[in-house]
């Protein structure tokens, strides 16, 4: 089980730099007030080595920013076999699960802590309140989420086309 705690007020440039590093916030990164408002709605969760942070196929309503440790990303084959697709490192401040800020999305991958991980966590409910209170800061975040979804959709389309071409070539004996 993970442990969660509220964050101290955003005071240092070191903590601000964590949020500035996150691509999702790049359009508002020059506004200390915006970053402080985001910081205030986040909590910190610690995950022990081997603990699952997100699980493929389950509904999610939280976004995570890995701030320390290392976690691996796993996908399942149609046959149920798990394979590793990526490794996240805390020093890179990787954000994941951001689609959960918009709706209860089914997680597309399992993310498991390789070592103890600390994550900043934002819930959909808190983000919705933030969006109502600060629409000029929320809009660029929504746009970044949409751009990410569109990029994943384009990649999925490209992958499907590649698989289709390979299947047709196999059927034709090429």
Protein backbone atom coordinates (compact mmCIF):
# COMPACT_ATOMS: atom_id res chain seq x y z
CA UNK A 1 0.00 0.00 0.00
CA UNK A 2 1.27 3.48 -0.84
CA UNK A 3 1.53 6.28 1.67
CA UNK A 4 0.14 9.72 0.81
CA UNK A 5 0.71 13.14 2.34
CA UNK A 6 -0.20 16.73 1.59
CA UNK A 7 2.63 18.87 0.24
CA UNK A 8 4.17 21.82 2.02
CA UNK A 9 3.55 25.20 0.32
CA UNK A 10 5.59 25.72 -2.84
CA UNK A 11 8.48 27.90 -1.71
CA UNK A 12 11.75 26.89 -3.29
CA UNK A 13 12.91 27.11 -6.85
CA UNK A 14 13.90 23.43 -6.56
CA UNK A 15 10.30 22.33 -6.04
CA UNK A 16 9.06 24.74 -8.71
CA UNK A 17 11.58 23.25 -11.15
CA UNK A 18 9.90 19.84 -10.75
CA UNK A 19 6.66 21.24 -12.14
CA UNK A 20 8.50 23.29 -14.78
CA UNK A 21 10.07 20.05 -16.07
CA UNK A 22 6.67 18.48 -16.74
CA UNK A 23 5.63 18.98 -20.36
CA UNK A 24 1.97 19.14 -19.37
CA UNK A 25 2.68 22.43 -17.58
CA UNK A 26 5.12 23.91 -20.12
CA UNK A 27 2.68 26.60 -21.33
CA UNK A 28 2.23 27.99 -17.80
CA UNK A 29 5.71 27.21 -16.43
CA UNK A 30 6.70 30.89 -16.38
CA UNK A 31 3.91 31.74 -13.94
CA UNK A 32 4.93 31.09 -10.32
CA UNK A 33 1.30 31.69 -9.27
CA UNK A 34 0.04 28.98 -11.65
CA UNK A 35 2.66 26.51 -10.45
CA UNK A 36 1.82 27.28 -6.82
CA UNK A 37 -1.89 26.70 -7.51
CA UNK A 38 -1.10 23.34 -9.12
CA UNK A 39 1.25 22.40 -6.28
CA UNK A 40 -1.50 23.10 -3.73
CA UNK A 41 -3.82 20.46 -5.22
CA UNK A 42 -1.21 17.73 -5.35
CA UNK A 43 -0.29 15.11 -2.79
CA UNK A 44 2.86 13.03 -2.52
CA UNK A 45 2.63 9.25 -2.54
CA UNK A 46 5.43 6.82 -1.85
CA UNK A 47 5.45 3.38 -3.47
CA UNK A 48 7.70 0.57 -2.25
CA UNK A 49 9.85 -1.48 -4.63
CA UNK A 50 7.64 -3.98 -6.44
CA UNK A 51 4.45 -2.08 -5.71
CA UNK A 52 2.03 -1.35 -8.56
CA UNK A 53 1.39 2.35 -9.21
CA UNK A 54 -1.16 1.86 -11.99
CA UNK A 55 -2.59 -1.37 -13.40
CA UNK A 56 -3.50 -1.94 -17.04
CA UNK A 57 -7.26 -2.23 -17.60
CA UNK A 58 -8.32 -0.63 -14.31
CA UNK A 59 -10.08 2.73 -14.15
CA UNK A 60 -7.93 5.67 -13.14
CA UNK A 61 -8.75 9.18 -12.00
CA UNK A 62 -5.28 10.36 -11.00
CA UNK A 63 -2.25 11.73 -12.77
CA UNK A 64 1.23 10.96 -11.43
CA UNK A 65 4.58 12.74 -11.69
CA UNK A 66 7.53 10.55 -10.77
CA UNK A 67 9.91 12.69 -8.70
CA UNK A 68 12.30 10.05 -7.37
CA UNK A 69 13.07 6.39 -7.91
CA UNK A 70 12.59 4.23 -10.96
CA UNK A 71 9.51 2.49 -12.33
CA UNK A 72 8.92 0.15 -15.26
CA UNK A 73 6.02 0.22 -17.68
CA UNK A 74 4.44 -3.09 -18.67
CA UNK A 75 1.85 -4.04 -21.28
CA UNK A 76 -0.04 -7.31 -21.70
CA UNK A 77 -0.20 -9.28 -24.92
CA UNK A 78 -3.61 -10.53 -26.07
CA UNK A 79 -2.53 -13.87 -24.58
CA UNK A 80 -2.00 -12.26 -21.17
CA UNK A 81 1.81 -12.29 -21.18
CA UNK A 82 3.38 -9.21 -19.63
CA UNK A 83 6.30 -7.43 -21.31
CA UNK A 84 8.31 -4.34 -20.36
CA UNK A 85 7.97 -1.37 -22.72
CA UNK A 86 9.75 1.46 -20.89
CA UNK A 87 11.59 2.55 -17.78
CA UNK A 88 10.76 5.86 -16.04
CA UNK A 89 13.37 7.66 -13.98
CA UNK A 90 12.44 10.12 -11.24
CA UNK A 91 15.09 12.66 -12.18
CA UNK A 92 13.25 13.17 -15.50
CA UNK A 93 9.95 14.00 -13.74
CA UNK A 94 7.86 11.83 -16.03
CA UNK A 95 4.09 12.44 -15.92
CA UNK A 96 1.65 9.62 -16.62
CA UNK A 97 -2.07 8.93 -16.28
CA UNK A 98 -3.02 12.46 -17.33
CA UNK A 99 -6.06 11.27 -19.29
CA UNK A 100 -7.57 10.32 -15.93
CA UNK A 101 -7.88 14.04 -15.21
CA UNK A 102 -10.57 14.27 -17.88
CA UNK A 103 -12.49 11.02 -17.40
CA UNK A 104 -12.21 7.67 -15.67
CA UNK A 105 -9.96 6.09 -18.22
CA UNK A 106 -8.88 2.50 -18.37
CA UNK A 107 -5.17 2.44 -17.71
CA UNK A 108 -3.28 1.46 -20.85
CA UNK A 109 -0.31 0.00 -18.97
CA UNK A 110 0.86 -1.29 -15.62
CA UNK A 111 3.51 0.83 -13.94
CA UNK A 112 5.43 -0.85 -11.16
CA UNK A 113 8.07 0.63 -8.85
CA UNK A 114 11.51 -0.93 -9.45
CA UNK A 115 12.74 0.80 -6.32
CA UNK A 116 11.06 3.09 -3.83
CA UNK A 117 9.30 5.82 -5.83
CA UNK A 118 7.89 9.15 -4.78
CA UNK A 119 5.18 10.61 -6.98
CA UNK A 120 3.24 13.83 -7.01
CA UNK A 121 -0.41 12.92 -7.53
CA UNK A 122 -3.31 15.03 -8.80
CA UNK A 123 -6.89 13.75 -8.66
CA UNK A 124 -9.51 14.48 -11.29
CA UNK A 125 -11.78 16.05 -8.67
CA UNK A 126 -9.04 18.46 -7.55
CA UNK A 127 -8.14 19.27 -11.16
CA UNK A 128 -11.79 20.02 -11.97
CA UNK A 129 -11.92 22.45 -9.04
CA UNK A 130 -8.61 23.99 -10.18
CA UNK A 131 -10.05 24.34 -13.70
CA UNK A 132 -13.15 26.15 -12.44
CA UNK A 133 -11.08 28.49 -10.26
CA UNK A 134 -8.27 29.09 -12.80
CA UNK A 135 -9.58 28.55 -16.34
CA UNK A 136 -6.77 30.56 -17.96
CA UNK A 137 -4.21 28.13 -16.47
CA UNK A 138 -6.32 25.02 -16.98
CA UNK A 139 -6.95 25.53 -20.70
CA UNK A 140 -3.27 25.08 -21.70
CA UNK A 141 -3.15 21.90 -19.60
CA UNK A 142 -6.25 20.52 -21.30
CA UNK A 143 -4.68 21.36 -24.67
CA UNK A 144 -1.50 19.46 -23.74
CA UNK A 145 -3.55 16.44 -22.68
CA UNK A 146 -5.44 16.58 -25.99
CA UNK A 147 -2.18 16.84 -27.97
CA UNK A 148 -0.86 13.78 -26.14
CA UNK A 149 -4.01 11.78 -26.84
CA UNK A 150 -3.90 12.78 -30.52
CA UNK A 151 -0.22 11.76 -30.79
CA UNK A 152 -1.00 8.35 -29.25
CA UNK A 153 -3.95 7.95 -31.64
CA UNK A 154 -1.73 8.75 -34.66
CA UNK A 155 0.84 6.21 -33.45
CA UNK A 156 -1.88 3.59 -32.97
CA UNK A 157 -3.15 4.26 -36.51
CA UNK A 158 0.39 3.94 -37.89
CA UNK A 159 0.90 0.70 -35.96
CA UNK A 160 -2.41 -0.70 -37.24
CA UNK A 161 -1.46 0.17 -40.82
CA UNK A 162 1.92 -1.51 -40.40
CA UNK A 163 0.25 -4.65 -39.00
CA UNK A 164 -2.28 -4.64 -41.83
CA UNK A 165 0.49 -4.40 -44.44
CA UNK A 166 2.43 -7.21 -42.76
CA UNK A 167 -0.68 -9.40 -42.66
CA UNK A 168 -1.47 -8.75 -46.33
CA UNK A 169 2.15 -9.50 -47.30
CA UNK A 170 2.03 -12.74 -45.28
CA UNK A 171 -1.24 -13.81 -46.91
CA UNK A 172 0.14 -13.05 -50.36
CA UNK A 173 3.31 -14.98 -49.54
CA UNK A 174 5.77 -12.14 -49.87
